[in-house]
């Protein structure tokens, strides 16, 4: 099991790798690699929880990414952040009409973790 600090470091390293890759020529950093690194960073942020609040704007933007896998990862990460990701709720609600079944399912799960209904 990863500790939050370790997960946070991994996420930051992966995000840094994306920034470096984005600055490189496309022959050196193909889109598939960038997508994979972004997805791994989002997945690492899921384990950081509320301490990953700084990443919420980036994760929210990923909900609009053309890659269904990245949209899935963003939903999962936001769910892991929990109630601290309240600012992402409007984007997650829009994701409920995403063409991808998994995105819709993960968005619903994220909404329930961020803003659980109280009986």
C-alpha atoms as a PDB file:
ATOM      1  CA  UNK A   1       0.000   0.000   0.000  1.00  0.00           C
ATOM      2  CA  UNK A   2       1.341   3.408  -0.966  1.00  0.00           C
ATOM      3  CA  UNK A   3       1.601   6.246   1.500  1.00  0.00           C
ATOM      4  CA  UNK A   4       0.082   9.591   0.599  1.00  0.00           C
ATOM      5  CA  UNK A   5       3.455  11.281   0.473  1.00  0.00           C
ATOM      6  CA  UNK A   6       4.868   8.650  -1.861  1.00  0.00           C
ATOM      7  CA  UNK A   7       1.790   8.817  -4.101  1.00  0.00           C
ATOM      8  CA  UNK A   8       2.038  12.596  -4.185  1.00  0.00           C
ATOM      9  CA  UNK A   9       5.686  12.417  -5.227  1.00  0.00           C
ATOM     10  CA  UNK A  10       4.895   9.907  -7.946  1.00  0.00           C
ATOM     11  CA  UNK A  11       2.054  12.089  -9.217  1.00  0.00           C
ATOM     12  CA  UNK A  12       4.245  15.178  -9.301  1.00  0.00           C
ATOM     13  CA  UNK A  13       6.993  13.290 -11.114  1.00  0.00           C
ATOM     14  CA  UNK A  14       4.521  12.023 -13.685  1.00  0.00           C
ATOM     15  CA  UNK A  15       2.978  15.452 -14.175  1.00  0.00           C
ATOM     16  CA  UNK A  16       6.481  16.868 -14.641  1.00  0.00           C
ATOM     17  CA  UNK A  17       7.155  14.181 -17.233  1.00  0.00           C
ATOM     18  CA  UNK A  18       4.015  15.246 -19.100  1.00  0.00           C
ATOM     19  CA  UNK A  19       5.160  18.870 -19.108  1.00  0.00           C
ATOM     20  CA  UNK A  20       8.582  17.888 -20.426  1.00  0.00           C
ATOM     21  CA  UNK A  21       7.062  15.569 -23.013  1.00  0.00           C
ATOM     22  CA  UNK A  22       4.666  18.294 -24.125  1.00  0.00           C
ATOM     23  CA  UNK A  23       7.586  20.594 -24.819  1.00  0.00           C
ATOM     24  CA  UNK A  24       9.342  17.994 -26.964  1.00  0.00           C
ATOM     25  CA  UNK A  25       8.875  17.316 -30.641  1.00  0.00           C
ATOM     26  CA  UNK A  26       6.011  14.894 -31.275  1.00  0.00           C
ATOM     27  CA  UNK A  27       8.491  12.322 -32.632  1.00  0.00           C
ATOM     28  CA  UNK A  28      10.129  12.225 -29.198  1.00  0.00           C
ATOM     29  CA  UNK A  29       6.905  12.152 -27.163  1.00  0.00           C
ATOM     30  CA  UNK A  30       4.026  10.523 -29.002  1.00  0.00           C
ATOM     31  CA  UNK A  31       0.493  11.359 -27.927  1.00  0.00           C
ATOM     32  CA  UNK A  32      -0.071   7.855 -26.632  1.00  0.00           C
ATOM     33  CA  UNK A  33       2.809   8.226 -24.176  1.00  0.00           C
ATOM     34  CA  UNK A  34       1.510  11.609 -22.984  1.00  0.00           C
ATOM     35  CA  UNK A  35      -1.955  10.129 -22.440  1.00  0.00           C
ATOM     36  CA  UNK A  36      -0.540   7.194 -20.512  1.00  0.00           C
ATOM     37  CA  UNK A  37       1.549   9.426 -18.266  1.00  0.00           C
ATOM     38  CA  UNK A  38      -1.436  11.698 -17.596  1.00  0.00           C
ATOM     39  CA  UNK A  39      -3.581   8.690 -16.710  1.00  0.00           C
ATOM     40  CA  UNK A  40      -0.918   7.339 -14.339  1.00  0.00           C
ATOM     41  CA  UNK A  41      -0.598  10.734 -12.658  1.00  0.00           C
ATOM     42  CA  UNK A  42      -4.356  10.924 -12.157  1.00  0.00           C
ATOM     43  CA  UNK A  43      -4.404   7.409 -10.736  1.00  0.00           C
ATOM     44  CA  UNK A  44      -1.634   8.289  -8.295  1.00  0.00           C
ATOM     45  CA  UNK A  45      -3.570  11.379  -7.198  1.00  0.00           C
ATOM     46  CA  UNK A  46      -6.521   9.154  -6.311  1.00  0.00           C
ATOM     47  CA  UNK A  47      -4.427   7.698  -3.485  1.00  0.00           C
ATOM     48  CA  UNK A  48      -3.322  11.090  -2.211  1.00  0.00           C
ATOM     49  CA  UNK A  49      -6.885  12.044  -1.301  1.00  0.00           C
ATOM     50  CA  UNK A  50      -7.726  15.522  -0.031  1.00  0.00           C
ATOM     51  CA  UNK A  51      -4.046  16.514  -0.080  1.00  0.00           C
ATOM     52  CA  UNK A  52      -4.296  16.527  -3.895  1.00  0.00           C
ATOM     53  CA  UNK A  53      -6.670  19.504  -3.891  1.00  0.00           C
ATOM     54  CA  UNK A  54      -4.160  21.515  -5.937  1.00  0.00           C
ATOM     55  CA  UNK A  55      -4.699  19.122  -8.865  1.00  0.00           C
ATOM     56  CA  UNK A  56      -8.483  19.586  -9.042  1.00  0.00           C
ATOM     57  CA  UNK A  57      -8.408  22.187 -11.882  1.00  0.00           C
ATOM     58  CA  UNK A  58      -6.193  19.922 -14.001  1.00  0.00           C
ATOM     59  CA  UNK A  59      -8.329  16.862 -13.279  1.00  0.00           C
ATOM     60  CA  UNK A  60     -11.446  18.850 -14.128  1.00  0.00           C
ATOM     61  CA  UNK A  61      -9.923  19.801 -17.489  1.00  0.00           C
ATOM     62  CA  UNK A  62      -9.156  16.128 -18.139  1.00  0.00           C
ATOM     63  CA  UNK A  63     -12.905  15.444 -17.989  1.00  0.00           C
ATOM     64  CA  UNK A  64     -13.064  17.183 -21.393  1.00  0.00           C
ATOM     65  CA  UNK A  65     -10.138  15.262 -22.910  1.00  0.00           C
ATOM     66  CA  UNK A  66     -10.811  13.337 -26.147  1.00  0.00           C
ATOM     67  CA  UNK A  67      -9.387  10.188 -24.531  1.00  0.00           C
ATOM     68  CA  UNK A  68     -12.042   8.175 -22.701  1.00  0.00           C
ATOM     69  CA  UNK A  69      -9.333   6.565 -20.588  1.00  0.00           C
ATOM     70  CA  UNK A  70      -8.151   9.966 -19.349  1.00  0.00           C
ATOM     71  CA  UNK A  71     -11.713  11.017 -18.572  1.00  0.00           C
ATOM     72  CA  UNK A  72     -12.131   7.777 -16.585  1.00  0.00           C
ATOM     73  CA  UNK A  73      -8.887   8.414 -14.683  1.00  0.00           C
ATOM     74  CA  UNK A  74      -9.941  11.974 -13.874  1.00  0.00           C
ATOM     75  CA  UNK A  75     -13.253  10.775 -12.424  1.00  0.00           C
ATOM     76  CA  UNK A  76     -11.508   8.126 -10.340  1.00  0.00           C
ATOM     77  CA  UNK A  77      -8.942  10.612  -9.039  1.00  0.00           C
ATOM     78  CA  UNK A  78     -11.621  13.163  -8.132  1.00  0.00           C
ATOM     79  CA  UNK A  79     -13.532  10.446  -6.282  1.00  0.00           C
ATOM     80  CA  UNK A  80     -10.356   9.654  -4.342  1.00  0.00           C
ATOM     81  CA  UNK A  81      -9.951  13.299  -3.374  1.00  0.00           C
ATOM     82  CA  UNK A  82     -13.469  13.228  -1.955  1.00  0.00           C
ATOM     83  CA  UNK A  83     -15.364  16.243  -0.558  1.00  0.00           C
ATOM     84  CA  UNK A  84     -12.370  18.538  -1.139  1.00  0.00           C
ATOM     85  CA  UNK A  85     -13.102  18.162  -4.885  1.00  0.00           C
ATOM     86  CA  UNK A  86     -16.458  19.935  -4.564  1.00  0.00           C
ATOM     87  CA  UNK A  87     -15.421  22.500  -7.227  1.00  0.00           C
ATOM     88  CA  UNK A  88     -15.351  19.677  -9.795  1.00  0.00           C
ATOM     89  CA  UNK A  89     -19.024  18.775  -9.286  1.00  0.00           C
ATOM     90  CA  UNK A  90     -20.374  20.830 -12.235  1.00  0.00           C
ATOM     91  CA  UNK A  91     -17.920  19.147 -14.628  1.00  0.00           C
ATOM     92  CA  UNK A  92     -18.666  15.722 -13.140  1.00  0.00           C
ATOM     93  CA  UNK A  93     -22.394  16.336 -13.595  1.00  0.00           C
ATOM     94  CA  UNK A  94     -21.741  17.165 -17.245  1.00  0.00           C
ATOM     95  CA  UNK A  95     -19.772  13.922 -17.507  1.00  0.00           C
ATOM     96  CA  UNK A  96     -22.972  12.043 -16.638  1.00  0.00           C
ATOM     97  CA  UNK A  97     -23.933  12.555 -20.295  1.00  0.00           C
ATOM     98  CA  UNK A  98     -20.528  11.464 -21.650  1.00  0.00           C
ATOM     99  CA  UNK A  99     -20.712   9.048 -24.602  1.00  0.00           C
ATOM    100  CA  UNK A 100     -18.552   6.553 -22.661  1.00  0.00           C
ATOM    101  CA  UNK A 101     -20.438   4.212 -20.322  1.00  0.00           C
ATOM    102  CA  UNK A 102     -17.437   3.927 -18.003  1.00  0.00           C
ATOM    103  CA  UNK A 103     -17.010   7.695 -17.811  1.00  0.00           C
ATOM    104  CA  UNK A 104     -20.657   8.074 -16.823  1.00  0.00           C
ATOM    105  CA  UNK A 105     -20.325   5.330 -14.208  1.00  0.00           C
ATOM    106  CA  UNK A 106     -17.089   6.739 -12.752  1.00  0.00           C
ATOM    107  CA  UNK A 107     -18.538  10.273 -12.760  1.00  0.00           C
ATOM    108  CA  UNK A 108     -21.556   9.058 -10.777  1.00  0.00           C
ATOM    109  CA  UNK A 109     -19.290   7.316  -8.279  1.00  0.00           C
ATOM    110  CA  UNK A 110     -17.181  10.474  -7.932  1.00  0.00           C
ATOM    111  CA  UNK A 111     -20.245  12.627  -7.318  1.00  0.00           C
ATOM    112  CA  UNK A 112     -21.414  10.210  -4.620  1.00  0.00           C
ATOM    113  CA  UNK A 113     -18.000  10.299  -2.896  1.00  0.00           C
ATOM    114  CA  UNK A 114     -17.655  14.082  -3.149  1.00  0.00           C
ATOM    115  CA  UNK A 115     -21.203  14.996  -2.127  1.00  0.00           C
ATOM    116  CA  UNK A 116     -22.834  11.986  -0.496  1.00  0.00           C
ATOM    117  CA  UNK A 117     -26.557  12.199   0.051  1.00  0.00           C
ATOM    118  CA  UNK A 118     -27.465  12.175   3.713  1.00  0.00           C
ATOM    119  CA  UNK A 119     -30.600  10.286   4.711  1.00  0.00           C
END
